PDB file of N, CA and C in Angstrom:
ATOM      1  N   MET A   1      -4.085  13.558  -4.767  1.00  0.00           N
ATOM      2  CA  MET A   1      -3.261  13.486  -3.583  1.00  0.00           C
ATOM      3  C   MET A   1      -2.809  12.043  -3.406  1.00  0.00           C
ATOM      4  N   THR A   2      -1.533  11.819  -3.312  1.00  0.00           N
ATOM      5  CA  THR A   2      -1.018  10.477  -3.110  1.00  0.00           C
ATOM      6  C   THR A   2      -0.558  10.318  -1.669  1.00  0.00           C
ATOM      7  N   LEU A   3      -0.881   9.189  -1.111  1.00  0.00           N
ATOM      8  CA  LEU A   3      -0.475   8.907   0.259  1.00  0.00           C
ATOM      9  C   LEU A   3       0.803   8.074   0.241  1.00  0.00           C
ATOM     10  N   PRO A   4       1.789   8.417   1.041  1.00  0.00           N
ATOM     11  CA  PRO A   4       3.014   7.626   1.063  1.00  0.00           C
ATOM     12  C   PRO A   4       2.784   6.291   1.763  1.00  0.00           C
ATOM     13  N   VAL A   5       3.547   5.294   1.345  1.00  0.00           N
ATOM     14  CA  VAL A   5       3.473   4.002   1.989  1.00  0.00           C
ATOM     15  C   VAL A   5       4.127   4.145   3.359  1.00  0.00           C
ATOM     16  N   ALA A   6       3.553   3.538   4.378  1.00  0.00           N
ATOM     17  CA  ALA A   6       3.954   3.780   5.767  1.00  0.00           C
ATOM     18  C   ALA A   6       5.435   3.524   6.022  1.00  0.00           C
ATOM     19  N   PHE A   7       5.987   2.437   5.548  1.00  0.00           N
ATOM     20  CA  PHE A   7       7.374   2.125   5.884  1.00  0.00           C
ATOM     21  C   PHE A   7       8.381   2.766   4.931  1.00  0.00           C
ATOM     22  N   ILE A   8       7.937   3.402   3.859  1.00  0.00           N
ATOM     23  CA  ILE A   8       8.865   4.002   2.902  1.00  0.00           C
ATOM     24  C   ILE A   8       8.913   5.530   3.044  1.00  0.00           C
ATOM     25  N   GLU A   9       8.024   6.136   3.794  1.00  0.00           N
ATOM     26  CA  GLU A   9       7.947   7.596   3.801  1.00  0.00           C
ATOM     27  C   GLU A   9       9.207   8.270   4.337  1.00  0.00           C
ATOM     28  N   GLY A  10      10.000   7.624   5.195  1.00  0.00           N
ATOM     29  CA  GLY A  10      11.189   8.255   5.747  1.00  0.00           C
ATOM     30  C   GLY A  10      12.472   7.863   5.042  1.00  0.00           C
ATOM     31  N   ILE A  11      12.391   7.123   3.948  1.00  0.00           N
ATOM     32  CA  ILE A  11      13.595   6.668   3.254  1.00  0.00           C
ATOM     33  C   ILE A  11      13.989   7.703   2.210  1.00  0.00           C
ATOM     34  N   GLY A  12      15.219   8.187   2.336  1.00  0.00           N
ATOM     35  CA  GLY A  12      15.746   9.157   1.379  1.00  0.00           C
ATOM     36  C   GLY A  12      17.000   8.601   0.741  1.00  0.00           C
ATOM     37  N   GLY A  13      17.829   9.495   0.189  1.00  0.00           N
ATOM     38  CA  GLY A  13      19.066   9.103  -0.474  1.00  0.00           C
ATOM     39  C   GLY A  13      20.062   8.406   0.450  1.00  0.00           C
ATOM     40  N   PRO A  14      20.374   8.993   1.609  1.00  0.00           N
ATOM     41  CA  PRO A  14      21.349   8.351   2.500  1.00  0.00           C
ATOM     42  C   PRO A  14      20.889   6.980   3.004  1.00  0.00           C
ATOM     43  N   GLU A  15      19.600   6.859   3.278  1.00  0.00           N
ATOM     44  CA  GLU A  15      19.069   5.577   3.761  1.00  0.00           C
ATOM     45  C   GLU A  15      19.182   4.507   2.684  1.00  0.00           C
ATOM     46  N   LEU A  16      18.862   4.872   1.435  1.00  0.00           N
ATOM     47  CA  LEU A  16      18.976   3.914   0.334  1.00  0.00           C
ATOM     48  C   LEU A  16      20.423   3.484   0.113  1.00  0.00           C
ATOM     49  N   MET A  17      21.356   4.414   0.225  1.00  0.00           N
ATOM     50  CA  MET A  17      22.768   4.080   0.061  1.00  0.00           C
ATOM     51  C   MET A  17      23.211   3.100   1.153  1.00  0.00           C
ATOM     52  N   MET A  18      22.741   3.305   2.381  1.00  0.00           N
ATOM     53  CA  MET A  18      23.092   2.410   3.479  1.00  0.00           C
ATOM     54  C   MET A  18      22.514   1.017   3.237  1.00  0.00           C
ATOM     55  N   ILE A  19      21.288   0.942   2.770  1.00  0.00           N
ATOM     56  CA  ILE A  19      20.657  -0.363   2.480  1.00  0.00           C
ATOM     57  C   ILE A  19      21.411  -1.075   1.367  1.00  0.00           C
ATOM     58  N   MET A  20      21.773  -0.345   0.318  1.00  0.00           N
ATOM     59  CA  MET A  20      22.519  -0.949  -0.800  1.00  0.00           C
ATOM     60  C   MET A  20      23.886  -1.456  -0.332  1.00  0.00           C
ATOM     61  N   PHE A  21      24.539  -0.707   0.550  1.00  0.00           N
ATOM     62  CA  PHE A  21      25.842  -1.119   1.071  1.00  0.00           C
ATOM     63  C   PHE A  21      25.719  -2.401   1.899  1.00  0.00           C
ATOM     64  N   ILE A  22      24.687  -2.487   2.716  1.00  0.00           N
ATOM     65  CA  ILE A  22      24.475  -3.695   3.536  1.00  0.00           C
ATOM     66  C   ILE A  22      24.168  -4.894   2.645  1.00  0.00           C
ATOM     67  N   VAL A  23      23.353  -4.700   1.624  1.00  0.00           N
ATOM     68  CA  VAL A  23      23.043  -5.791   0.686  1.00  0.00           C
ATOM     69  C   VAL A  23      24.305  -6.236  -0.038  1.00  0.00           C
ATOM     70  N   LEU A  24      25.144  -5.292  -0.429  1.00  0.00           N
ATOM     71  CA  LEU A  24      26.399  -5.627  -1.095  1.00  0.00           C
ATOM     72  C   LEU A  24      27.310  -6.433  -0.177  1.00  0.00           C
ATOM     73  N   LEU A  25      27.379  -6.072   1.095  1.00  0.00           N
ATOM     74  CA  LEU A  25      28.193  -6.822   2.054  1.00  0.00           C
ATOM     75  C   LEU A  25      27.645  -8.226   2.297  1.00  0.00           C
ATOM     76  N   LEU A  26      26.305  -8.344   2.369  1.00  0.00           N
ATOM     77  CA  LEU A  26      25.704  -9.650   2.662  1.00  0.00           C
ATOM     78  C   LEU A  26      25.836 -10.627   1.495  1.00  0.00           C
ATOM     79  N   PHE A  27      25.546 -10.166   0.304  1.00  0.00           N
ATOM     80  CA  PHE A  27      25.484 -11.083  -0.841  1.00  0.00           C
ATOM     81  C   PHE A  27      26.745 -11.079  -1.701  1.00  0.00           C
ATOM     82  N   GLY A  28      27.506 -10.015  -1.675  1.00  0.00           N
ATOM     83  CA  GLY A  28      28.703  -9.941  -2.498  1.00  0.00           C
ATOM     84  C   GLY A  28      28.373  -9.456  -3.893  1.00  0.00           C
ATOM     85  N   ALA A  29      29.409  -8.967  -4.587  1.00  0.00           N
ATOM     86  CA  ALA A  29      29.215  -8.384  -5.917  1.00  0.00           C
ATOM     87  C   ALA A  29      28.864  -9.442  -6.957  1.00  0.00           C
ATOM     88  N   ASP A  30      29.293 -10.698  -6.747  1.00  0.00           N
ATOM     89  CA  ASP A  30      29.007 -11.762  -7.723  1.00  0.00           C
ATOM     90  C   ASP A  30      27.537 -12.171  -7.725  1.00  0.00           C
ATOM     91  N   LYS A  31      26.899 -12.117  -6.581  1.00  0.00           N
ATOM     92  CA  LYS A  31      25.522 -12.594  -6.461  1.00  0.00           C
ATOM     93  C   LYS A  31      24.472 -11.513  -6.711  1.00  0.00           C
ATOM     94  N   LEU A  32      24.868 -10.254  -6.738  1.00  0.00           N
ATOM     95  CA  LEU A  32      23.880  -9.177  -6.914  1.00  0.00           C
ATOM     96  C   LEU A  32      23.114  -9.255  -8.232  1.00  0.00           C
ATOM     97  N   PRO A  33      23.764  -9.469  -9.397  1.00  0.00           N
ATOM     98  CA  PRO A  33      22.971  -9.572 -10.637  1.00  0.00           C
ATOM     99  C   PRO A  33      21.993 -10.750 -10.611  1.00  0.00           C
ATOM    100  N   GLU A  34      22.439 -11.866 -10.042  1.00  0.00           N
ATOM    101  CA  GLU A  34      21.562 -13.040  -9.947  1.00  0.00           C
ATOM    102  C   GLU A  34      20.381 -12.758  -9.018  1.00  0.00           C
ATOM    103  N   LEU A  35      20.647 -12.073  -7.919  1.00  0.00           N
ATOM    104  CA  LEU A  35      19.594 -11.711  -6.969  1.00  0.00           C
ATOM    105  C   LEU A  35      18.587 -10.753  -7.618  1.00  0.00           C
ATOM    106  N   ALA A  36      19.093  -9.752  -8.339  1.00  0.00           N
ATOM    107  CA  ALA A  36      18.208  -8.785  -9.006  1.00  0.00           C
ATOM    108  C   ALA A  36      17.375  -9.460 -10.086  1.00  0.00           C
ATOM    109  N   ARG A  37      17.977 -10.396 -10.827  1.00  0.00           N
ATOM    110  CA  ARG A  37      17.247 -11.114 -11.868  1.00  0.00           C
ATOM    111  C   ARG A  37      16.103 -11.937 -11.253  1.00  0.00           C
ATOM    112  N   GLY A  38      16.415 -12.601 -10.138  1.00  0.00           N
ATOM    113  CA  GLY A  38      15.388 -13.395  -9.461  1.00  0.00           C
ATOM    114  C   GLY A  38      14.257 -12.535  -8.936  1.00  0.00           C
ATOM    115  N   MET A  39      14.598 -11.360  -8.381  1.00  0.00           N
ATOM    116  CA  MET A  39      13.561 -10.458  -7.893  1.00  0.00           C
ATOM    117  C   MET A  39      12.707  -9.929  -9.044  1.00  0.00           C
ATOM    118  N   GLY A  40      13.351  -9.652 -10.183  1.00  0.00           N
ATOM    119  CA  GLY A  40      12.604  -9.179 -11.347  1.00  0.00           C
ATOM    120  C   GLY A  40      11.631 -10.220 -11.859  1.00  0.00           C
ATOM    121  N   LYS A  41      12.074 -11.475 -11.919  1.00  0.00           N
ATOM    122  CA  LYS A  41      11.179 -12.551 -12.365  1.00  0.00           C
ATOM    123  C   LYS A  41      10.017 -12.723 -11.403  1.00  0.00           C
ATOM    124  N   THR A  42      10.308 -12.627 -10.109  1.00  0.00           N
ATOM    125  CA  THR A  42       9.251 -12.763  -9.109  1.00  0.00           C
ATOM    126  C   THR A  42       8.226 -11.650  -9.253  1.00  0.00           C
ATOM    127  N   MET A  43       8.694 -10.412  -9.424  1.00  0.00           N
ATOM    128  CA  MET A  43       7.776  -9.285  -9.587  1.00  0.00           C
ATOM    129  C   MET A  43       6.938  -9.433 -10.861  1.00  0.00           C
ATOM    130  N   ARG A  44       7.556  -9.928 -11.929  1.00  0.00           N
ATOM    131  CA  ARG A  44       6.831 -10.127 -13.184  1.00  0.00           C
ATOM    132  C   ARG A  44       5.714 -11.163 -13.002  1.00  0.00           C
ATOM    133  N   GLU A  45       6.016 -12.253 -12.297  1.00  0.00           N
ATOM    134  CA  GLU A  45       5.009 -13.290 -12.059  1.00  0.00           C
ATOM    135  C   GLU A  45       3.874 -12.769 -11.185  1.00  0.00           C
ATOM    136  N   ILE A  46       4.218 -11.961 -10.190  1.00  0.00           N
ATOM    137  CA  ILE A  46       3.188 -11.395  -9.316  1.00  0.00           C
ATOM    138  C   ILE A  46       2.280 -10.463 -10.110  1.00  0.00           C
ATOM    139  N   LYS A  47       2.866  -9.619 -10.958  1.00  0.00           N
ATOM    140  CA  LYS A  47       2.050  -8.709 -11.770  1.00  0.00           C
ATOM    141  C   LYS A  47       1.163  -9.469 -12.741  1.00  0.00           C
ATOM    142  N   LYS A  48       1.706 -10.545 -13.330  1.00  0.00           N
ATOM    143  CA  LYS A  48       0.922 -11.351 -14.261  1.00  0.00           C
ATOM    144  C   LYS A  48      -0.256 -12.004 -13.551  1.00  0.00           C
ATOM    145  N   ALA A  49      -0.001 -12.510 -12.346  1.00  0.00           N
ATOM    146  CA  ALA A  49      -1.072 -13.170 -11.595  1.00  0.00           C
ATOM    147  C   ALA A  49      -2.149 -12.169 -11.177  1.00  0.00           C
ATOM    148  N   THR A  50      -1.738 -10.994 -10.709  1.00  0.00           N
ATOM    149  CA  THR A  50      -2.730 -10.011 -10.273  1.00  0.00           C
ATOM    150  C   THR A  50      -3.521  -9.465 -11.460  1.00  0.00           C
ATOM    151  N   SER A  51      -2.867  -9.283 -12.624  1.00  0.00           N
ATOM    152  CA  SER A  51      -3.619  -8.784 -13.782  1.00  0.00           C
ATOM    153  C   SER A  51      -4.609  -9.845 -14.270  1.00  0.00           C
ATOM    154  N   GLY A  52      -4.237 -11.109 -14.161  1.00  0.00           N
ATOM    155  CA  GLY A  52      -5.170 -12.177 -14.539  1.00  0.00           C
ATOM    156  C   GLY A  52      -6.396 -12.185 -13.646  1.00  0.00           C
ATOM    157  N   VAL A  53      -6.188 -11.990 -12.348  1.00  0.00           N
ATOM    158  CA  VAL A  53      -7.318 -11.946 -11.407  1.00  0.00           C
ATOM    159  C   VAL A  53      -8.173 -10.722 -11.690  1.00  0.00           C
ATOM    160  N   GLU A  54      -7.545  -9.573 -11.949  1.00  0.00           N
ATOM    161  CA  GLU A  54      -8.298  -8.356 -12.250  1.00  0.00           C
ATOM    162  C   GLU A  54      -9.141  -8.527 -13.506  1.00  0.00           C
ATOM    163  N   GLN A  55      -8.565  -9.119 -14.548  1.00  0.00           N
ATOM    164  CA  GLN A  55      -9.317  -9.339 -15.784  1.00  0.00           C
ATOM    165  C   GLN A  55     -10.495 -10.269 -15.548  1.00  0.00           C
ATOM    166  N   GLU A  56     -10.303 -11.303 -14.734  1.00  0.00           N
ATOM    167  CA  GLU A  56     -11.383 -12.242 -14.433  1.00  0.00           C
ATOM    168  C   GLU A  56     -12.511 -11.538 -13.686  1.00  0.00           C
ATOM    169  N   ILE A  57     -12.160 -10.671 -12.751  1.00  0.00           N
ATOM    170  CA  ILE A  57     -13.181  -9.934 -11.997  1.00  0.00           C
ATOM    171  C   ILE A  57     -13.918  -8.971 -12.916  1.00  0.00           C
ATOM    172  N   LYS A  58     -13.187  -8.242 -13.771  1.00  0.00           N
ATOM    173  CA  LYS A  58     -13.839  -7.305 -14.700  1.00  0.00           C
ATOM    174  C   LYS A  58     -14.775  -8.032 -15.653  1.00  0.00           C
ATOM    175  N   ARG A  59     -14.324  -9.197 -16.162  1.00  0.00           N
ATOM    176  CA  ARG A  59     -15.160  -9.962 -17.091  1.00  0.00           C
ATOM    177  C   ARG A  59     -16.418 -10.468 -16.390  1.00  0.00           C
ATOM    178  N   ALA A  60     -16.268 -10.890 -15.137  1.00  0.00           N
ATOM    179  CA  ALA A  60     -17.430 -11.377 -14.396  1.00  0.00           C
ATOM    180  C   ALA A  60     -18.411 -10.253 -14.115  1.00  0.00           C
ATOM    181  N   MET A  61     -17.893  -9.037 -13.890  1.00  0.00           N
ATOM    182  CA  MET A  61     -18.784  -7.909 -13.620  1.00  0.00           C
ATOM    183  C   MET A  61     -19.496  -7.439 -14.885  1.00  0.00           C
ATOM    184  N   GLU A  62     -18.837  -7.533 -16.046  1.00  0.00           N
ATOM    185  CA  GLU A  62     -19.440  -7.081 -17.297  1.00  0.00           C
ATOM    186  C   GLU A  62     -20.405  -8.098 -17.879  1.00  0.00           C
ATOM    187  N   GLU A  63     -20.213  -9.352 -17.542  1.00  0.00           N
ATOM    188  CA  GLU A  63     -21.029 -10.428 -18.092  1.00  0.00           C
ATOM    189  C   GLU A  63     -22.446 -10.352 -17.515  1.00  0.00           C
ATOM    190  N   PRO A  64     -23.472 -10.407 -18.358  1.00  0.00           N
ATOM    191  CA  PRO A  64     -24.831 -10.372 -17.822  1.00  0.00           C
ATOM    192  C   PRO A  64     -25.106 -11.653 -17.035  1.00  0.00           C
ATOM    193  N   PRO A  65     -25.952 -11.560 -16.030  1.00  0.00           N
ATOM    194  CA  PRO A  65     -26.238 -12.758 -15.237  1.00  0.00           C
ATOM    195  C   PRO A  65     -26.922 -13.813 -16.091  1.00  0.00           C
ATOM    196  N   ALA A  66     -26.561 -15.042 -15.849  1.00  0.00           N
ATOM    197  CA  ALA A  66     -27.136 -16.151 -16.616  1.00  0.00           C
ATOM    198  C   ALA A  66     -28.554 -16.410 -16.113  1.00  0.00           C
ATOM    199  N   THR A  67     -29.475 -16.401 -17.034  1.00  0.00           N
ATOM    200  CA  THR A  67     -30.862 -16.700 -16.669  1.00  0.00           C
ATOM    201  C   THR A  67     -31.160 -18.128 -17.046  1.00  0.00           C
ATOM    202  N   ALA A  68     -31.898 -18.769 -16.198  1.00  0.00           N
ATOM    203  CA  ALA A  68     -32.238 -20.169 -16.452  1.00  0.00           C
ATOM    204  C   ALA A  68     -33.361 -20.218 -17.477  1.00  0.00           C
ATOM    205  N   LYS A  69     -33.036 -20.685 -18.665  1.00  0.00           N
ATOM    206  CA  LYS A  69     -34.037 -20.821 -19.716  1.00  0.00           C
ATOM    207  C   LYS A  69     -34.465 -22.282 -19.764  1.00  0.00           C
ATOM    208  N   THR A  70     -35.754 -22.489 -19.636  1.00  0.00           N
ATOM    209  CA  THR A  70     -36.261 -23.855 -19.719  1.00  0.00           C
ATOM    210  C   THR A  70     -36.648 -24.141 -21.152  1.00  0.00           C
ATOM    211  N   PRO A  71     -36.283 -25.307 -21.653  1.00  0.00           N
ATOM    212  CA  PRO A  71     -36.654 -25.631 -23.025  1.00  0.00           C
ATOM    213  C   PRO A  71     -38.168 -25.805 -23.131  1.00  0.00           C
ATOM    214  N   PRO A  72     -38.741 -25.461 -24.288  1.00  0.00           N
ATOM    215  CA  PRO A  72     -40.196 -25.609 -24.443  1.00  0.00           C
ATOM    216  C   PRO A  72     -40.583 -27.087 -24.415  1.00  0.00           C
ATOM    217  N   LYS A  73     -41.736 -27.341 -23.804  1.00  0.00           N
ATOM    218  CA  LYS A  73     -42.229 -28.712 -23.718  1.00  0.00           C
ATOM    219  C   LYS A  73     -42.936 -29.070 -25.021  1.00  0.00           C
ATOM    220  N   PRO A  74     -42.837 -30.346 -25.439  1.00  0.00           N
ATOM    221  CA  PRO A  74     -43.560 -30.750 -26.645  1.00  0.00           C
ATOM    222  C   PRO A  74     -45.069 -30.615 -26.428  1.00  0.00           C
ATOM    223  N   ALA A  75     -45.766 -30.341 -27.524  1.00  0.00           N
ATOM    224  CA  ALA A  75     -47.202 -30.084 -27.437  1.00  0.00           C
ATOM    225  C   ALA A  75     -47.966 -31.287 -26.904  1.00  0.00           C
ATOM    226  N   ALA A  76     -47.753 -32.443 -27.489  1.00  0.00           N
ATOM    227  CA  ALA A  76     -48.488 -33.631 -27.057  1.00  0.00           C
ATOM    228  C   ALA A  76     -47.482 -34.744 -26.812  1.00  0.00           C
ATOM    229  N   ALA A  77     -46.975 -34.787 -25.630  1.00  0.00           N
ATOM    230  CA  ALA A  77     -46.004 -35.818 -25.300  1.00  0.00           C
ATOM    231  C   ALA A  77     -46.753 -37.056 -24.834  1.00  0.00           C
ATOM    232  N   VAL A  78     -46.577 -38.128 -25.573  1.00  0.00           N
ATOM    233  CA  VAL A  78     -47.230 -39.389 -25.229  1.00  0.00           C
ATOM    234  C   VAL A  78     -46.216 -40.241 -24.485  1.00  0.00           C
ATOM    235  N   PRO A  79     -46.537 -40.655 -23.255  1.00  0.00           N
ATOM    236  CA  PRO A  79     -45.585 -41.482 -22.529  1.00  0.00           C
ATOM    237  C   PRO A  79     -45.431 -42.840 -23.205  1.00  0.00           C
ATOM    238  N   GLN A  80     -44.212 -43.296 -23.299  1.00  0.00           N
ATOM    239  CA  GLN A  80     -43.941 -44.586 -23.917  1.00  0.00           C
ATOM    240  C   GLN A  80     -43.699 -45.617 -22.829  1.00  0.00           C
ATOM    241  N   LYS A  81     -44.125 -46.848 -23.118  1.00  0.00           N
ATOM    242  CA  LYS A  81     -43.910 -47.919 -22.167  1.00  0.00           C
ATOM    243  C   LYS A  81     -42.473 -48.411 -22.311  1.00  0.00           C
ATOM    244  N   THR A  82     -41.866 -48.685 -21.188  1.00  0.00           N
ATOM    245  CA  THR A  82     -40.525 -49.235 -21.214  1.00  0.00           C
ATOM    246  C   THR A  82     -40.581 -50.710 -20.867  1.00  0.00           C
ATOM    247  N   VAL A  83     -39.712 -51.466 -21.477  1.00  0.00           N
ATOM    248  CA  VAL A  83     -39.660 -52.904 -21.233  1.00  0.00           C
ATOM    249  C   VAL A  83     -38.544 -53.164 -20.241  1.00  0.00           C
ATOM    250  N   ASP A  84     -38.904 -53.818 -19.132  1.00  0.00           N
ATOM    251  CA  ASP A  84     -37.914 -54.137 -18.118  1.00  0.00           C
ATOM    252  C   ASP A  84     -37.282 -55.473 -18.464  1.00  0.00           C
ATOM    253  N   THR A  85     -35.996 -55.440 -18.821  1.00  0.00           N
ATOM    254  CA  THR A  85     -35.313 -56.672 -19.205  1.00  0.00           C
ATOM    255  C   THR A  85     -34.470 -57.231 -18.075  1.00  0.00           C
ATOM    256  N   ALA A  86     -34.458 -56.586 -16.935  1.00  0.00           N
ATOM    257  CA  ALA A  86     -33.658 -57.065 -15.819  1.00  0.00           C
ATOM    258  C   ALA A  86     -34.333 -58.279 -15.184  1.00  0.00           C
ATOM    259  N   PRO A  87     -33.535 -59.241 -14.714  1.00  0.00           N
ATOM    260  CA  PRO A  87     -34.137 -60.396 -14.050  1.00  0.00           C
ATOM    261  C   PRO A  87     -34.732 -59.967 -12.712  1.00  0.00           C
ATOM    262  N   PRO A  88     -35.688 -60.698 -12.196  1.00  0.00           N
ATOM    263  CA  PRO A  88     -36.276 -60.343 -10.906  1.00  0.00           C
ATOM    264  C   PRO A  88     -35.212 -60.392  -9.803  1.00  0.00           C
ATOM    265  N   PHE A  89     -35.479 -59.671  -8.725  1.00  0.00           N
ATOM    266  CA  PHE A  89     -34.536 -59.593  -7.631  1.00  0.00           C
ATOM    267  C   PHE A  89     -34.292 -60.969  -7.036  1.00  0.00           C
ATOM    268  N   GLY A  90     -33.036 -61.362  -6.908  1.00  0.00           N
ATOM    269  CA  GLY A  90     -32.672 -62.642  -6.321  1.00  0.00           C
ATOM    270  C   GLY A  90     -32.529 -63.758  -7.336  1.00  0.00           C
ATOM    271  N   ALA A  91     -32.918 -63.508  -8.591  1.00  0.00           N
ATOM    272  CA  ALA A  91     -32.826 -64.559  -9.609  1.00  0.00           C
ATOM    273  C   ALA A  91     -31.401 -64.610 -10.147  1.00  0.00           C
ATOM    274  N   ALA A  92     -31.015 -65.765 -10.614  1.00  0.00           N
ATOM    275  CA  ALA A  92     -29.686 -65.936 -11.187  1.00  0.00           C
ATOM    276  C   ALA A  92     -29.617 -65.224 -12.531  1.00  0.00           C
ATOM    277  N   PRO A  93     -28.486 -64.630 -12.853  1.00  0.00           N
ATOM    278  CA  PRO A  93     -28.369 -63.954 -14.146  1.00  0.00           C
ATOM    279  C   PRO A  93     -28.360 -65.000 -15.267  1.00  0.00           C
ATOM    280  N   PRO A  94     -28.764 -64.585 -16.470  1.00  0.00           N
ATOM    281  CA  PRO A  94     -28.776 -65.546 -17.582  1.00  0.00           C
ATOM    282  C   PRO A  94     -27.351 -65.967 -17.935  1.00  0.00           C
ATOM    283  N   PRO A  95     -27.186 -67.193 -18.433  1.00  0.00           N
ATOM    284  CA  PRO A  95     -25.828 -67.647 -18.773  1.00  0.00           C
ATOM    285  C   PRO A  95     -25.275 -66.850 -19.949  1.00  0.00           C
ATOM    286  N   ARG A  96     -23.962 -66.604 -19.914  1.00  0.00           N
ATOM    287  CA  ARG A  96     -23.310 -65.883 -20.997  1.00  0.00           C
ATOM    288  C   ARG A  96     -22.691 -66.881 -21.956  1.00  0.00           C
ATOM    289  N   GLU A  97     -22.645 -66.480 -23.204  1.00  0.00           N
ATOM    290  CA  GLU A  97     -21.998 -67.318 -24.206  1.00  0.00           C
ATOM    291  C   GLU A  97     -20.498 -67.101 -24.109  1.00  0.00           C
ATOM    292  N   ILE A  98     -19.740 -68.169 -23.977  1.00  0.00           N
ATOM    293  CA  ILE A  98     -18.293 -68.085 -23.843  1.00  0.00           C
ATOM    294  C   ILE A  98     -17.662 -68.342 -25.197  1.00  0.00           C
ATOM    295  N   SER A  99     -16.804 -67.427 -25.620  1.00  0.00           N
ATOM    296  CA  SER A  99     -16.151 -67.594 -26.910  1.00  0.00           C
ATOM    297  C   SER A  99     -14.811 -68.298 -26.696  1.00  0.00           C
ATOM    298  N   PRO A 100     -14.350 -69.062 -27.698  1.00  0.00           N
ATOM    299  CA  PRO A 100     -13.060 -69.742 -27.554  1.00  0.00           C
ATOM    300  C   PRO A 100     -11.928 -68.713 -27.511  1.00  0.00           C
ATOM    301  N   PRO A 101     -10.805 -69.055 -26.862  1.00  0.00           N
ATOM    302  CA  PRO A 101      -9.732 -68.084 -26.727  1.00  0.00           C
ATOM    303  C   PRO A 101      -9.076 -67.751 -28.071  1.00  0.00           C
ATOM    304  N   PHE A 102      -9.088 -68.685 -29.009  1.00  0.00           N
ATOM    305  CA  PHE A 102      -8.483 -68.457 -30.323  1.00  0.00           C
ATOM    306  C   PHE A 102      -9.535 -68.708 -31.401  1.00  0.00           C
ATOM    307  N   PRO A 103      -9.440 -68.014 -32.530  1.00  0.00           N
ATOM    308  CA  PRO A 103     -10.406 -68.275 -33.602  1.00  0.00           C
ATOM    309  C   PRO A 103     -10.197 -69.680 -34.175  1.00  0.00           C
ATOM    310  N   PRO A 104     -11.240 -70.300 -34.685  1.00  0.00           N
ATOM    311  CA  PRO A 104     -11.077 -71.646 -35.251  1.00  0.00           C
ATOM    312  C   PRO A 104     -10.107 -71.604 -36.442  1.00  0.00           C
ATOM    313  N   SER A 105      -9.337 -72.655 -36.562  1.00  0.00           N
ATOM    314  CA  SER A 105      -8.347 -72.696 -37.645  1.00  0.00           C
ATOM    315  C   SER A 105      -9.053 -72.980 -38.965  1.00  0.00           C
ATOM    316  N   MET A 106      -8.487 -72.501 -40.050  1.00  0.00           N
ATOM    317  CA  MET A 106      -9.067 -72.665 -41.373  1.00  0.00           C
ATOM    318  C   MET A 106      -8.367 -73.842 -42.056  1.00  0.00           C
ATOM    319  N   GLU A 107      -8.822 -75.016 -41.840  1.00  0.00           N
ATOM    320  CA  GLU A 107      -8.206 -76.210 -42.444  1.00  0.00           C
ATOM    321  C   GLU A 107      -9.022 -76.762 -43.544  1.00  0.00           C
TER     322      GLU A 107
END
């Protein structure tokens, strides 16, 4: 059983002819093909966008939920000491070596 769309259920042949006549008067015969082409492109883009969303939803529903897998821990992990090379807080940074702007000439 199909349900009619609310605003289209009373439109028949005479009503469609009247709508087409009004559109022809408003836009003129020169603009009708351009108008129809634009409407066709718009409908194509809308269908493409909705099918993309539908495919994304279907793929998300079919995809199994991601389970958090934790990597195995090493058997005997020995902590390593780290060497702190940063200067103490408030101390001046070590001087940097400044290179000459041009390489030395080969004389």
